Amino acid sequence: MSAGKNFLVTGGAGFIGSAVCRHLVSSVGANVTNVDKLTYAGNLASLKPVENAHNYRFAQADVCDDTSILKLLKRDDIDVIMHLAAESHVDRSIDGPAAFIETNIVGTYRLLNAALEYWRQLSGEKKQRFRFHHVSTDEVFGDLPFDSGFFTEETPYAPSSPYSASKAASDHLVRAWHETYGLPVVLSNCSNNYGPYHFPEKLIPLVILNALEEKPLAVYGQGTNVRDWLFVEDHARALVSIATKGRVGESYNVGGNAERRNLSVVEAICDLLDGKKPRQGGKSYRDLITFVADRPGHDRRYAIDTAKIQRELGWEPTETFETGLGRTVDWYLANQWWWGPIRGESYAGERLGRSPEAAE
């Protein structure tokens, strides 16, 4: 059981990390130490539902600072590290890969060193139950043709962007620390997440908010690129199961079984908003869709085979894409207090990379 265990979650103020923290604190009853550097995508407002809980605490720190991380591991008697801290936006990695190398590769290396030193000092059952869970992405597998199968845990790595290359490197480091030093690790690779508290430069929240502001809904190419969409709260449940019940040294793919073309996703959002927040004059939000030049190295398709996690850990998504998207749209309509400040003067609601207006 995870209740009563002590978790250290890196990147816990980010989108997926905050969902993991909320789930661990409220649903599992675990003790959580949230470690986050609070870069542009880290937002403590995402932890508002649990910020005053007795089993939650926050520490502002950089995963590259292994000395500070080691002190936290010892102070809070950590049983499980869930490593989610990462630069994660593909377009940003195209414009500025240096931060991705520093955080995703060097940061993971330094965190592994802190974890290894901490683990080596443990003994007995405490040492046996310790886990280092590295959370990664399906983008490390590269491009999947439209007419082929799915990514499995055995799919060779073939990253296409600086972001996915940095995550592939960090995956390999984690496996190496297990094989070389015996550190008890588990890994996971997930498909595209969506849901409440998603930073507004990502596809789904960007389209929702731009539509509400009557801005063009720009889509890369012809919108034919396919992604498998995973509701973030389903992902949080999967991650906790992997961290606590996964086999040491193994990786698990997590997906939503919900492949959609990017254009179909944008159209579905428009249709929901047509019903929930109609435009003046009776026009459809679909009229705002605009196609723009594609970005470099844009993978055609990602799709996850979830057979292993279903078979070994009994996990499967509870939300369909339709129910999850409906919940997400409703949340953004009801929670301007969260996204309003992000969409303020310091953030123009645009995308980086070759085509800053485009959504992915």
Foldseek 3Di string as FASTA:
>chain_A
DQAAAEEEEELLQADLNVLLVCCCVPPVNHQYEYEYQPDLRGDCVSNVVCDPPPRYDYDYDALLPLVVVLVVCVVRVHQEYEYDDADADQQVCQVPVPRRLCRLASSLVSNLVSLLVNLVPDDDPSNVRHEYEYEAALQQLAFDDPPDDADDQPRDGDHQTSNSVSNNNSVVVVLCCCVPVVHFYEYEHEWAEDAPSHALLAQLNLLLVCLVVVAAAEAEDPQQAKTFYDYSNLVSVLRVLCRRPNHTSYYAYYTQPAIDRRVVSSVLSQVLCCVVPNDPPRDTSVVRYDYDHHFPSDHRYHHHDRVVCCVRRVGHGPDHPNRRSNNRSVNVVVPCVSCVVVCDPVHVSWAHGPGGNHHD
